[in-house]
């Protein structure tokens, strides 16, 4: 990005999950981390476990490592969200499959009688699919390996770790986009949130 003062927030939710259609996902962990310019500011982060209004099922524990005992004394989502909203302010939000997290976040805000966030959403999943069109795998771990970020040895699926790795992936993807002269926030937003492809940004050759 051209502006060294541009502030982005990478965020991630861990939620309860169930394959049933119309299942209501409950937030059990929320994290955010700041990117200013092209620098990850890990010292300015937001993190909280969240006590959900339901039991955490064994499947969710196997995926996230978060158990009922870990969240029994955690604040409820209504206590956590005001601080998170202050943290993100109006900054563009970055995430891997960010639309899902934004949708869950907004449903909780709406349930609590708050306005939904309308921040710009920048998705590393979408960017990966448009940059690496021939690749089939676009999970966060797959994209990390593809852009040269070594995944941790241990199983990783916690919100604060995910936001840091997502931030690293995002910056690596931005470096690739620079090769196509896609450097502005507006252009990255267009690539993430419209049907345009990287080729649409290329200048036609004049002969």
N, C-alpha and C. Protein backbone atom coordinates (compact mmCIF):
# COMPACT_ATOMS: atom_id res chain seq x y z
N UNK A 1 0.85 -1.19 0.00
CA UNK A 1 0.00 0.00 0.00
C UNK A 1 0.88 1.24 0.00
N UNK A 2 0.44 2.24 -0.71
CA UNK A 2 1.28 3.41 -0.90
C UNK A 2 1.38 4.28 0.35
N UNK A 3 0.33 4.33 1.14
CA UNK A 3 0.31 5.22 2.30
C UNK A 3 0.88 4.50 3.53
N UNK A 4 2.02 4.97 4.07
CA UNK A 4 2.63 4.30 5.22
C UNK A 4 1.81 4.43 6.50
N UNK A 5 0.81 5.31 6.49
CA UNK A 5 -0.01 5.50 7.69
C UNK A 5 -1.33 4.72 7.64
N UNK A 6 -1.56 3.98 6.56
CA UNK A 6 -2.79 3.21 6.45
C UNK A 6 -2.85 2.16 7.55
N UNK A 7 -3.95 2.15 8.29
CA UNK A 7 -4.13 1.18 9.38
C UNK A 7 -5.17 0.14 8.98
N UNK A 8 -4.78 -1.12 9.08
CA UNK A 8 -5.68 -2.24 8.86
C UNK A 8 -5.75 -3.06 10.15
N UNK A 9 -6.82 -3.79 10.32
CA UNK A 9 -6.93 -4.71 11.45
C UNK A 9 -7.21 -6.11 10.91
N UNK A 10 -6.31 -7.02 11.21
CA UNK A 10 -6.54 -8.43 10.89
C UNK A 10 -7.31 -9.03 12.06
N UNK A 11 -8.42 -9.72 11.76
CA UNK A 11 -9.18 -10.29 12.88
C UNK A 11 -9.63 -11.70 12.58
N UNK A 12 -9.93 -12.43 13.65
CA UNK A 12 -10.36 -13.82 13.52
C UNK A 12 -11.25 -14.17 14.70
N UNK A 13 -12.23 -14.99 14.43
CA UNK A 13 -13.10 -15.53 15.47
C UNK A 13 -12.93 -17.04 15.53
N UNK A 14 -12.99 -17.59 16.73
CA UNK A 14 -13.22 -19.02 16.88
C UNK A 14 -14.66 -19.16 17.34
N UNK A 15 -15.38 -20.06 16.72
CA UNK A 15 -16.80 -20.21 17.02
C UNK A 15 -17.16 -21.67 17.25
N UNK A 16 -18.30 -21.86 17.90
CA UNK A 16 -18.87 -23.19 17.91
C UNK A 16 -19.30 -23.50 16.48
N UNK A 17 -19.34 -24.77 16.15
CA UNK A 17 -19.61 -25.14 14.77
C UNK A 17 -20.43 -26.41 14.73
N UNK A 18 -21.18 -26.56 13.67
CA UNK A 18 -22.02 -27.74 13.52
C UNK A 18 -22.40 -27.84 12.04
N UNK A 19 -22.37 -29.04 11.46
CA UNK A 19 -22.70 -29.17 10.03
C UNK A 19 -24.17 -28.94 9.72
N UNK A 20 -25.02 -28.83 10.74
CA UNK A 20 -26.45 -28.66 10.49
C UNK A 20 -26.72 -27.32 9.80
N UNK A 21 -27.65 -27.33 8.87
CA UNK A 21 -28.02 -26.10 8.16
C UNK A 21 -28.66 -25.12 9.14
N UNK A 22 -28.37 -23.84 8.95
CA UNK A 22 -28.92 -22.77 9.79
C UNK A 22 -28.43 -22.84 11.23
N UNK A 23 -27.30 -23.52 11.45
CA UNK A 23 -26.74 -23.58 12.81
C UNK A 23 -26.28 -22.19 13.23
N UNK A 24 -26.51 -21.86 14.48
CA UNK A 24 -26.12 -20.56 15.01
C UNK A 24 -24.71 -20.67 15.60
N UNK A 25 -23.76 -20.01 14.96
CA UNK A 25 -22.39 -20.02 15.45
C UNK A 25 -22.24 -19.04 16.61
N UNK A 26 -21.68 -19.52 17.71
CA UNK A 26 -21.43 -18.67 18.87
C UNK A 26 -19.93 -18.40 18.99
N UNK A 27 -19.58 -17.16 19.25
CA UNK A 27 -18.17 -16.78 19.38
C UNK A 27 -17.62 -17.30 20.71
N UNK A 28 -16.46 -17.98 20.65
CA UNK A 28 -15.79 -18.43 21.87
C UNK A 28 -14.40 -17.80 22.02
N UNK A 29 -13.93 -17.12 20.98
CA UNK A 29 -12.64 -16.44 21.05
C UNK A 29 -12.59 -15.40 19.95
N UNK A 30 -12.01 -14.26 20.25
CA UNK A 30 -11.92 -13.17 19.27
C UNK A 30 -10.56 -12.51 19.40
N UNK A 31 -9.96 -12.18 18.26
CA UNK A 31 -8.64 -11.55 18.28
C UNK A 31 -8.50 -10.59 17.12
N UNK A 32 -7.72 -9.55 17.31
CA UNK A 32 -7.41 -8.60 16.26
C UNK A 32 -5.99 -8.11 16.41
N UNK A 33 -5.35 -7.79 15.30
CA UNK A 33 -3.98 -7.29 15.32
C UNK A 33 -3.83 -6.21 14.25
N UNK A 34 -3.02 -5.23 14.55
CA UNK A 34 -2.88 -4.05 13.71
C UNK A 34 -1.77 -4.22 12.67
N UNK A 35 -2.07 -3.76 11.45
CA UNK A 35 -1.04 -3.53 10.44
C UNK A 35 -1.05 -2.04 10.13
N UNK A 36 0.10 -1.40 10.21
CA UNK A 36 0.22 0.01 9.85
C UNK A 36 1.22 0.11 8.72
N UNK A 37 0.77 0.64 7.58
CA UNK A 37 1.62 0.62 6.40
C UNK A 37 1.83 -0.82 5.97
N UNK A 38 3.06 -1.26 6.03
CA UNK A 38 3.38 -2.66 5.70
C UNK A 38 4.02 -3.35 6.89
N UNK A 39 3.72 -2.89 8.08
CA UNK A 39 4.33 -3.44 9.29
C UNK A 39 3.25 -4.03 10.20
N UNK A 40 3.49 -5.25 10.67
CA UNK A 40 2.60 -5.87 11.64
C UNK A 40 2.96 -5.34 13.02
N UNK A 41 1.99 -4.77 13.69
CA UNK A 41 2.21 -4.22 15.03
C UNK A 41 1.63 -5.20 16.06
N UNK A 42 2.39 -6.25 16.36
CA UNK A 42 1.88 -7.29 17.26
C UNK A 42 1.75 -6.79 18.69
N UNK A 43 2.37 -5.65 18.99
CA UNK A 43 2.25 -5.10 20.35
C UNK A 43 0.90 -4.42 20.56
N UNK A 44 0.19 -4.14 19.46
CA UNK A 44 -1.14 -3.54 19.57
C UNK A 44 -2.15 -4.55 19.06
N UNK A 45 -2.62 -5.39 19.97
CA UNK A 45 -3.53 -6.47 19.60
C UNK A 45 -4.70 -6.50 20.58
N UNK A 46 -5.78 -7.11 20.12
CA UNK A 46 -6.96 -7.32 20.97
C UNK A 46 -7.18 -8.81 21.07
N UNK A 47 -7.49 -9.27 22.29
CA UNK A 47 -7.72 -10.71 22.46
C UNK A 47 -8.67 -10.95 23.63
N UNK A 48 -9.57 -11.89 23.45
CA UNK A 48 -10.41 -12.32 24.57
C UNK A 48 -11.03 -13.68 24.27
N UNK A 49 -11.04 -14.55 25.27
CA UNK A 49 -11.94 -15.69 25.25
C UNK A 49 -13.34 -15.17 25.51
N UNK A 50 -14.34 -15.91 25.08
CA UNK A 50 -15.74 -15.49 25.24
C UNK A 50 -16.54 -16.67 25.78
N UNK A 51 -17.36 -16.40 26.79
CA UNK A 51 -18.24 -17.44 27.34
C UNK A 51 -19.51 -17.52 26.50
N UNK A 52 -19.73 -18.61 25.78
CA UNK A 52 -20.92 -18.73 24.94
C UNK A 52 -22.13 -19.15 25.75
N UNK A 53 -23.32 -18.98 25.20
CA UNK A 53 -24.54 -19.38 25.91
C UNK A 53 -24.87 -20.86 25.72
N UNK A 54 -23.88 -21.65 25.34
CA UNK A 54 -24.11 -23.07 25.10
C UNK A 54 -22.85 -23.84 25.46
N UNK A 55 -22.97 -25.14 25.54
CA UNK A 55 -21.82 -26.00 25.80
C UNK A 55 -20.94 -26.08 24.55
N UNK A 56 -19.64 -26.19 24.77
CA UNK A 56 -18.72 -26.42 23.67
C UNK A 56 -18.66 -27.92 23.41
N UNK A 57 -19.01 -28.31 22.21
CA UNK A 57 -19.09 -29.72 21.87
C UNK A 57 -17.69 -30.31 21.64
N UNK A 58 -17.55 -31.64 21.79
CA UNK A 58 -16.24 -32.28 21.60
C UNK A 58 -15.59 -31.94 20.26
N UNK A 59 -16.42 -31.85 19.20
CA UNK A 59 -15.86 -31.51 17.88
C UNK A 59 -15.17 -30.16 17.92
N UNK A 60 -15.82 -29.17 18.53
CA UNK A 60 -15.24 -27.83 18.61
C UNK A 60 -13.96 -27.82 19.43
N UNK A 61 -13.93 -28.62 20.48
CA UNK A 61 -12.72 -28.70 21.30
C UNK A 61 -11.57 -29.30 20.49
N UNK A 62 -11.86 -30.33 19.70
CA UNK A 62 -10.81 -30.96 18.90
C UNK A 62 -10.24 -29.98 17.87
N UNK A 63 -11.09 -29.12 17.34
CA UNK A 63 -10.64 -28.16 16.32
C UNK A 63 -9.89 -26.99 16.95
N UNK A 64 -10.46 -26.40 17.99
CA UNK A 64 -9.92 -25.15 18.53
C UNK A 64 -9.05 -25.33 19.76
N UNK A 65 -9.23 -26.44 20.48
CA UNK A 65 -8.53 -26.62 21.75
C UNK A 65 -9.14 -25.82 22.88
N UNK A 66 -10.31 -25.24 22.64
CA UNK A 66 -10.99 -24.43 23.66
C UNK A 66 -12.07 -25.28 24.31
N UNK A 67 -12.03 -25.36 25.63
CA UNK A 67 -12.97 -26.20 26.37
C UNK A 67 -13.90 -25.34 27.23
N UNK A 68 -14.95 -25.97 27.74
CA UNK A 68 -15.88 -25.27 28.63
C UNK A 68 -15.17 -24.69 29.84
N UNK A 69 -14.21 -25.44 30.38
CA UNK A 69 -13.50 -24.97 31.58
C UNK A 69 -12.68 -23.72 31.29
N UNK A 70 -12.22 -23.56 30.05
CA UNK A 70 -11.42 -22.39 29.68
C UNK A 70 -12.26 -21.13 29.58
N UNK A 71 -13.55 -21.28 29.26
CA UNK A 71 -14.39 -20.10 29.03
C UNK A 71 -15.39 -19.84 30.15
N UNK A 72 -15.42 -20.70 31.16
CA UNK A 72 -16.47 -20.57 32.19
C UNK A 72 -16.39 -19.25 32.93
N UNK A 73 -15.19 -18.69 33.08
CA UNK A 73 -15.04 -17.40 33.76
C UNK A 73 -14.77 -16.25 32.78
N UNK A 74 -14.86 -16.53 31.49
CA UNK A 74 -14.62 -15.49 30.48
C UNK A 74 -15.84 -14.58 30.39
N UNK A 75 -15.65 -13.36 29.89
CA UNK A 75 -16.81 -12.46 29.73
C UNK A 75 -17.72 -12.93 28.61
N UNK A 76 -18.99 -12.58 28.71
CA UNK A 76 -19.94 -12.84 27.63
C UNK A 76 -19.65 -11.91 26.46
N UNK A 77 -20.17 -12.25 25.28
CA UNK A 77 -19.86 -11.48 24.08
C UNK A 77 -20.30 -10.02 24.21
N UNK A 78 -21.38 -9.76 24.92
CA UNK A 78 -21.84 -8.39 25.10
C UNK A 78 -20.86 -7.53 25.88
N UNK A 79 -20.03 -8.16 26.71
CA UNK A 79 -19.01 -7.43 27.46
C UNK A 79 -17.75 -7.24 26.64
N UNK A 80 -17.53 -8.10 25.66
CA UNK A 80 -16.30 -8.08 24.87
C UNK A 80 -16.38 -7.13 23.69
N UNK A 81 -17.53 -7.09 23.04
CA UNK A 81 -17.64 -6.35 21.78
C UNK A 81 -17.37 -4.85 21.87
N UNK A 82 -17.77 -4.15 22.94
CA UNK A 82 -17.45 -2.71 22.98
C UNK A 82 -15.95 -2.43 22.85
N UNK A 83 -15.14 -3.21 23.53
CA UNK A 83 -13.69 -3.02 23.43
C UNK A 83 -13.17 -3.37 22.05
N UNK A 84 -13.73 -4.41 21.45
CA UNK A 84 -13.29 -4.79 20.11
C UNK A 84 -13.66 -3.72 19.09
N UNK A 85 -14.85 -3.14 19.22
CA UNK A 85 -15.26 -2.08 18.30
C UNK A 85 -14.37 -0.85 18.44
N UNK A 86 -13.97 -0.54 19.66
CA UNK A 86 -13.03 0.58 19.86
C UNK A 86 -11.69 0.27 19.20
N UNK A 87 -11.30 -0.98 19.24
CA UNK A 87 -10.00 -1.37 18.67
C UNK A 87 -10.01 -1.27 17.14
N UNK A 88 -11.07 -1.75 16.51
CA UNK A 88 -11.07 -1.75 15.05
C UNK A 88 -11.41 -0.38 14.47
N UNK A 89 -12.18 0.43 15.20
CA UNK A 89 -12.61 1.74 14.73
C UNK A 89 -13.18 1.61 13.32
N UNK A 90 -12.74 2.45 12.41
CA UNK A 90 -13.23 2.36 11.03
C UNK A 90 -12.24 1.70 10.10
N UNK A 91 -11.25 1.01 10.66
CA UNK A 91 -10.19 0.43 9.84
C UNK A 91 -10.69 -0.70 8.96
N UNK A 92 -10.14 -0.85 7.76
CA UNK A 92 -10.45 -2.03 6.95
C UNK A 92 -10.09 -3.29 7.72
N UNK A 93 -10.90 -4.33 7.55
CA UNK A 93 -10.70 -5.59 8.26
C UNK A 93 -10.18 -6.65 7.30
N UNK A 94 -9.11 -7.32 7.73
CA UNK A 94 -8.48 -8.37 6.93
C UNK A 94 -8.74 -9.71 7.61
N UNK A 95 -9.02 -10.73 6.83
CA UNK A 95 -9.19 -12.06 7.40
C UNK A 95 -9.12 -13.11 6.33
N UNK A 96 -9.04 -14.37 6.76
CA UNK A 96 -9.07 -15.49 5.82
C UNK A 96 -10.49 -16.04 5.82
N UNK A 97 -11.17 -15.88 4.70
CA UNK A 97 -12.63 -16.09 4.62
C UNK A 97 -13.31 -15.08 5.55
N UNK A 98 -12.93 -13.84 5.39
CA UNK A 98 -13.35 -12.77 6.30
C UNK A 98 -14.86 -12.54 6.29
N UNK A 99 -15.53 -12.87 5.19
CA UNK A 99 -16.97 -12.66 5.12
C UNK A 99 -17.70 -13.48 6.18
N UNK A 100 -17.22 -14.69 6.44
CA UNK A 100 -17.86 -15.52 7.46
C UNK A 100 -17.73 -14.87 8.83
N UNK A 101 -16.50 -14.46 9.19
CA UNK A 101 -16.29 -13.85 10.51
C UNK A 101 -17.09 -12.56 10.65
N UNK A 102 -17.12 -11.76 9.58
CA UNK A 102 -17.88 -10.51 9.63
C UNK A 102 -19.37 -10.78 9.80
N UNK A 103 -19.86 -11.81 9.14
CA UNK A 103 -21.28 -12.15 9.26
C UNK A 103 -21.63 -12.58 10.68
N UNK A 104 -20.78 -13.41 11.29
CA UNK A 104 -21.03 -13.85 12.67
C UNK A 104 -20.93 -12.66 13.63
N UNK A 105 -19.91 -11.82 13.43
CA UNK A 105 -19.75 -10.63 14.26
C UNK A 105 -20.97 -9.74 14.17
N UNK A 106 -21.45 -9.48 12.97
CA UNK A 106 -22.59 -8.58 12.80
C UNK A 106 -23.88 -9.16 13.37
N UNK A 107 -24.04 -10.46 13.30
CA UNK A 107 -25.23 -11.06 13.90
C UNK A 107 -25.23 -10.86 15.40
N UNK A 108 -24.08 -11.02 16.03
CA UNK A 108 -24.00 -10.79 17.48
C UNK A 108 -24.25 -9.32 17.81
N UNK A 109 -23.70 -8.42 17.00
CA UNK A 109 -23.95 -7.00 17.23
C UNK A 109 -25.43 -6.68 17.09
N UNK A 110 -26.06 -7.22 16.07
CA UNK A 110 -27.48 -6.98 15.85
C UNK A 110 -28.32 -7.54 17.00
N UNK A 111 -27.97 -8.73 17.47
CA UNK A 111 -28.70 -9.35 18.58
C UNK A 111 -28.65 -8.48 19.83
N UNK A 112 -27.53 -7.75 19.98
CA UNK A 112 -27.34 -6.90 21.15
C UNK A 112 -27.88 -5.49 20.95
N UNK A 113 -28.50 -5.24 19.79
CA UNK A 113 -29.08 -3.93 19.52
C UNK A 113 -28.09 -2.90 19.04
N UNK A 114 -26.93 -3.35 18.54
CA UNK A 114 -25.90 -2.44 18.06
C UNK A 114 -25.91 -2.38 16.53
N UNK A 115 -25.35 -1.31 16.00
CA UNK A 115 -25.19 -1.22 14.55
C UNK A 115 -24.16 -2.23 14.08
N UNK A 116 -24.40 -2.79 12.92
CA UNK A 116 -23.43 -3.71 12.34
C UNK A 116 -22.22 -2.93 11.82
N UNK A 117 -21.06 -3.58 11.79
CA UNK A 117 -19.87 -2.92 11.24
C UNK A 117 -19.97 -2.92 9.72
N UNK A 118 -19.53 -1.84 9.12
CA UNK A 118 -19.56 -1.73 7.66
C UNK A 118 -18.17 -1.45 7.12
N UNK A 119 -17.15 -1.83 7.89
CA UNK A 119 -15.76 -1.62 7.48
C UNK A 119 -15.47 -2.35 6.17
N UNK A 120 -14.54 -1.82 5.41
CA UNK A 120 -14.05 -2.51 4.22
C UNK A 120 -13.50 -3.88 4.63
N UNK A 121 -13.81 -4.92 3.83
CA UNK A 121 -13.34 -6.27 4.11
C UNK A 121 -12.35 -6.71 3.04
N UNK A 122 -11.17 -7.15 3.48
CA UNK A 122 -10.13 -7.62 2.58
C UNK A 122 -9.83 -9.08 2.91
N UNK A 123 -10.00 -9.95 1.93
CA UNK A 123 -9.99 -11.39 2.18
C UNK A 123 -8.75 -12.06 1.58
N UNK A 124 -7.92 -12.66 2.43
CA UNK A 124 -6.73 -13.37 1.94
C UNK A 124 -7.12 -14.63 1.16
N UNK A 125 -8.26 -15.22 1.48
CA UNK A 125 -8.73 -16.38 0.72
C UNK A 125 -9.03 -15.99 -0.73
N UNK A 126 -9.75 -14.90 -0.91
CA UNK A 126 -10.07 -14.42 -2.26
C UNK A 126 -8.81 -14.02 -3.01
N UNK A 127 -7.91 -13.32 -2.34
CA UNK A 127 -6.66 -12.91 -2.99
C UNK A 127 -5.86 -14.12 -3.45
N UNK A 128 -5.78 -15.13 -2.59
CA UNK A 128 -5.04 -16.34 -2.96
C UNK A 128 -5.67 -17.01 -4.18
N UNK A 129 -6.98 -17.10 -4.21
CA UNK A 129 -7.66 -17.74 -5.35
C UNK A 129 -7.43 -16.97 -6.65
N UNK A 130 -7.32 -15.64 -6.56
CA UNK A 130 -7.13 -14.85 -7.77
C UNK A 130 -5.67 -14.79 -8.20
N UNK A 131 -4.76 -14.90 -7.24
CA UNK A 131 -3.33 -14.89 -7.56
C UNK A 131 -2.87 -16.27 -8.03
N UNK A 132 -3.31 -17.30 -7.34
CA UNK A 132 -2.88 -18.68 -7.63
C UNK A 132 -4.07 -19.47 -8.19
N UNK A 133 -4.47 -19.12 -9.37
CA UNK A 133 -5.70 -19.69 -9.95
C UNK A 133 -5.61 -21.19 -10.19
N UNK A 134 -4.42 -21.68 -10.46
CA UNK A 134 -4.28 -23.10 -10.79
C UNK A 134 -4.23 -23.99 -9.55
N UNK A 135 -4.07 -23.38 -8.39
CA UNK A 135 -4.00 -24.16 -7.15
C UNK A 135 -5.41 -24.50 -6.66
N UNK A 136 -5.55 -25.69 -6.08
CA UNK A 136 -6.85 -26.11 -5.57
C UNK A 136 -7.00 -25.84 -4.08
N UNK A 137 -5.90 -25.84 -3.35
CA UNK A 137 -5.97 -25.69 -1.89
C UNK A 137 -5.69 -24.24 -1.50
N UNK A 138 -6.60 -23.66 -0.73
CA UNK A 138 -6.44 -22.27 -0.31
C UNK A 138 -6.73 -22.09 1.18
N UNK A 139 -6.56 -23.15 1.96
CA UNK A 139 -6.65 -22.99 3.41
C UNK A 139 -5.52 -22.08 3.86
N UNK A 140 -5.63 -21.56 5.07
CA UNK A 140 -4.58 -20.67 5.57
C UNK A 140 -3.23 -21.38 5.58
N UNK A 141 -3.20 -22.63 6.02
CA UNK A 141 -1.94 -23.38 6.05
C UNK A 141 -1.38 -23.57 4.64
N UNK A 142 -2.26 -23.88 3.67
CA UNK A 142 -1.81 -24.08 2.29
C UNK A 142 -1.23 -22.80 1.71
N UNK A 143 -1.88 -21.68 1.97
CA UNK A 143 -1.39 -20.40 1.44
C UNK A 143 -0.09 -20.00 2.13
N UNK A 144 0.02 -20.26 3.43
CA UNK A 144 1.27 -19.98 4.14
C UNK A 144 2.44 -20.68 3.46
N UNK A 145 2.28 -21.97 3.20
CA UNK A 145 3.36 -22.74 2.56
C UNK A 145 3.67 -22.18 1.18
N UNK A 146 2.64 -21.80 0.45
CA UNK A 146 2.82 -21.33 -0.92
C UNK A 146 3.60 -20.02 -0.98
N UNK A 147 3.42 -19.17 0.02
CA UNK A 147 4.11 -17.87 0.00
C UNK A 147 5.37 -17.88 0.86
N UNK A 148 5.78 -19.07 1.32
CA UNK A 148 7.06 -19.19 2.00
C UNK A 148 7.05 -18.93 3.49
N UNK A 149 5.90 -19.08 4.13
CA UNK A 149 5.81 -18.94 5.59
C UNK A 149 5.73 -20.33 6.19
N UNK A 150 6.67 -20.65 7.05
CA UNK A 150 6.73 -21.99 7.63
C UNK A 150 5.66 -22.13 8.71
N UNK A 151 4.76 -23.08 8.55
CA UNK A 151 3.73 -23.29 9.58
C UNK A 151 4.36 -23.82 10.86
N UNK A 152 3.75 -23.56 12.00
CA UNK A 152 4.27 -24.11 13.25
C UNK A 152 4.13 -25.62 13.26
N UNK A 153 4.98 -26.28 14.05
CA UNK A 153 4.93 -27.74 14.11
C UNK A 153 3.65 -28.22 14.78
N UNK A 154 3.23 -27.50 15.81
CA UNK A 154 2.03 -27.93 16.52
C UNK A 154 0.78 -27.53 15.75
N UNK A 155 -0.30 -28.23 16.03
CA UNK A 155 -1.58 -27.90 15.42
C UNK A 155 -2.00 -26.50 15.84
N UNK A 156 -2.44 -25.68 14.86
CA UNK A 156 -2.76 -24.29 15.14
C UNK A 156 -4.19 -23.99 14.74
N UNK A 157 -4.97 -23.56 15.69
CA UNK A 157 -6.31 -23.08 15.34
C UNK A 157 -6.85 -22.21 16.47
N UNK A 158 -6.01 -21.26 16.90
CA UNK A 158 -6.44 -20.29 17.90
C UNK A 158 -6.43 -18.92 17.27
N UNK A 159 -7.33 -18.06 17.75
CA UNK A 159 -7.58 -16.79 17.06
C UNK A 159 -6.35 -15.89 16.98
N UNK A 160 -5.61 -15.75 18.09
CA UNK A 160 -4.49 -14.81 18.09
C UNK A 160 -3.37 -15.30 17.18
N UNK A 161 -3.11 -16.60 17.18
CA UNK A 161 -2.12 -17.14 16.25
C UNK A 161 -2.58 -16.96 14.81
N UNK A 162 -3.84 -17.23 14.57
CA UNK A 162 -4.36 -17.12 13.21
C UNK A 162 -4.26 -15.70 12.67
N UNK A 163 -4.52 -14.70 13.51
CA UNK A 163 -4.45 -13.32 13.00
C UNK A 163 -3.01 -12.95 12.65
N UNK A 164 -2.05 -13.42 13.43
CA UNK A 164 -0.66 -13.09 13.12
C UNK A 164 -0.22 -13.75 11.82
N UNK A 165 -0.57 -15.02 11.65
CA UNK A 165 -0.22 -15.70 10.40
C UNK A 165 -0.99 -15.12 9.21
N UNK A 166 -2.24 -14.75 9.42
CA UNK A 166 -3.01 -14.13 8.34
C UNK A 166 -2.40 -12.79 7.95
N UNK A 167 -1.93 -12.03 8.93
CA UNK A 167 -1.27 -10.76 8.64
C UNK A 167 -0.01 -10.98 7.80
N UNK A 168 0.77 -12.00 8.16
CA UNK A 168 1.98 -12.32 7.39
C UNK A 168 1.63 -12.73 5.96
N UNK A 169 0.60 -13.57 5.82
CA UNK A 169 0.15 -13.99 4.49
C UNK A 169 -0.31 -12.78 3.67
N UNK A 170 -1.09 -11.91 4.28
CA UNK A 170 -1.61 -10.73 3.59
C UNK A 170 -0.48 -9.89 3.03
N UNK A 171 0.55 -9.65 3.82
CA UNK A 171 1.66 -8.82 3.35
C UNK A 171 2.43 -9.52 2.23
N UNK A 172 2.57 -10.84 2.31
CA UNK A 172 3.23 -11.57 1.22
C UNK A 172 2.40 -11.49 -0.07
N UNK A 173 1.09 -11.59 0.06
CA UNK A 173 0.23 -11.48 -1.12
C UNK A 173 0.29 -10.07 -1.71
N UNK A 174 0.40 -9.05 -0.84
CA UNK A 174 0.54 -7.68 -1.35
C UNK A 174 1.83 -7.52 -2.14
N UNK A 175 2.90 -8.19 -1.69
CA UNK A 175 4.17 -8.14 -2.43
C UNK A 175 3.99 -8.71 -3.83
N UNK A 176 3.22 -9.79 -3.94
CA UNK A 176 2.96 -10.38 -5.26
C UNK A 176 2.13 -9.42 -6.11
N UNK A 177 1.13 -8.78 -5.50
CA UNK A 177 0.27 -7.86 -6.24
C UNK A 177 1.05 -6.65 -6.76
N UNK A 178 2.12 -6.28 -6.07
CA UNK A 178 2.94 -5.16 -6.53
C UNK A 178 3.51 -5.43 -7.92
N UNK A 179 3.75 -6.70 -8.23
CA UNK A 179 4.29 -7.05 -9.55
C UNK A 179 3.29 -6.71 -10.66
N UNK A 180 2.03 -6.59 -10.28
CA UNK A 180 0.98 -6.24 -11.25
C UNK A 180 0.53 -4.79 -11.09
N UNK A 181 1.32 -4.01 -10.34
CA UNK A 181 1.00 -2.60 -10.07
C UNK A 181 -0.32 -2.43 -9.34
N UNK A 182 -0.68 -3.42 -8.55
CA UNK A 182 -1.86 -3.32 -7.69
C UNK A 182 -1.36 -2.96 -6.30
N UNK A 183 -1.38 -1.67 -5.99
CA UNK A 183 -0.71 -1.20 -4.78
C UNK A 183 -1.59 -0.34 -3.88
N UNK A 184 -2.72 0.11 -4.39
CA UNK A 184 -3.57 1.00 -3.58
C UNK A 184 -4.62 0.19 -2.83
N UNK A 185 -5.07 0.77 -1.73
CA UNK A 185 -6.13 0.12 -0.96
C UNK A 185 -7.39 -0.04 -1.80
N UNK A 186 -7.68 0.95 -2.63
CA UNK A 186 -8.87 0.90 -3.47
C UNK A 186 -8.79 -0.26 -4.47
N UNK A 187 -7.61 -0.47 -5.05
CA UNK A 187 -7.44 -1.56 -6.01
C UNK A 187 -7.53 -2.92 -5.34
N UNK A 188 -6.93 -3.05 -4.16
CA UNK A 188 -6.99 -4.31 -3.42
C UNK A 188 -8.43 -4.61 -3.01
N UNK A 189 -9.15 -3.58 -2.60
CA UNK A 189 -10.56 -3.74 -2.24
C UNK A 189 -11.37 -4.20 -3.45
N UNK A 190 -11.11 -3.61 -4.59
CA UNK A 190 -11.83 -3.99 -5.82
C UNK A 190 -11.54 -5.44 -6.17
N UNK A 191 -10.30 -5.86 -6.03
CA UNK A 191 -9.93 -7.23 -6.35
C UNK A 191 -10.62 -8.22 -5.40
N UNK A 192 -10.74 -7.83 -4.14
CA UNK A 192 -11.35 -8.71 -3.13
C UNK A 192 -12.87 -8.78 -3.27
N UNK A 193 -13.49 -7.68 -3.66
CA UNK A 193 -14.94 -7.58 -3.49
C UNK A 193 -15.74 -7.38 -4.77
N UNK A 194 -15.10 -7.58 -5.91
CA UNK A 194 -15.82 -7.56 -7.18
C UNK A 194 -15.39 -8.78 -8.00
N UNK A 195 -15.98 -8.94 -9.15
CA UNK A 195 -15.65 -10.07 -10.02
C UNK A 195 -14.40 -9.84 -10.86
N UNK A 196 -13.74 -8.72 -10.68
CA UNK A 196 -12.58 -8.43 -11.51
C UNK A 196 -11.42 -9.37 -11.17
N UNK A 197 -10.56 -9.57 -12.14
CA UNK A 197 -9.38 -10.42 -11.98
C UNK A 197 -8.14 -9.55 -12.09
N UNK A 198 -7.00 -10.13 -11.74
CA UNK A 198 -5.74 -9.39 -11.78
C UNK A 198 -5.50 -8.81 -13.18
N UNK A 199 -5.85 -9.59 -14.20
CA UNK A 199 -5.62 -9.15 -15.58
C UNK A 199 -6.36 -7.85 -15.90
N UNK A 200 -7.44 -7.59 -15.20
CA UNK A 200 -8.22 -6.38 -15.47
C UNK A 200 -7.48 -5.11 -15.08
N UNK A 201 -6.42 -5.26 -14.28
CA UNK A 201 -5.66 -4.09 -13.85
C UNK A 201 -4.49 -3.80 -14.78
N UNK A 202 -4.23 -4.70 -15.73
CA UNK A 202 -3.08 -4.53 -16.60
C UNK A 202 -3.36 -3.47 -17.65
N UNK A 203 -2.36 -2.65 -17.89
CA UNK A 203 -2.49 -1.62 -18.91
C UNK A 203 -2.33 -2.24 -20.30
N UNK A 204 -3.22 -1.92 -21.23
CA UNK A 204 -3.07 -2.47 -22.59
C UNK A 204 -1.80 -1.94 -23.26
N UNK A 205 -1.18 -2.79 -24.04
CA UNK A 205 0.02 -2.39 -24.78
C UNK A 205 -0.39 -1.59 -26.02
N UNK A 206 0.25 -0.48 -26.22
CA UNK A 206 -0.03 0.36 -27.39
C UNK A 206 1.07 0.17 -28.42
N UNK A 207 0.68 -0.09 -29.64
CA UNK A 207 1.67 -0.33 -30.70
C UNK A 207 1.50 0.71 -31.79
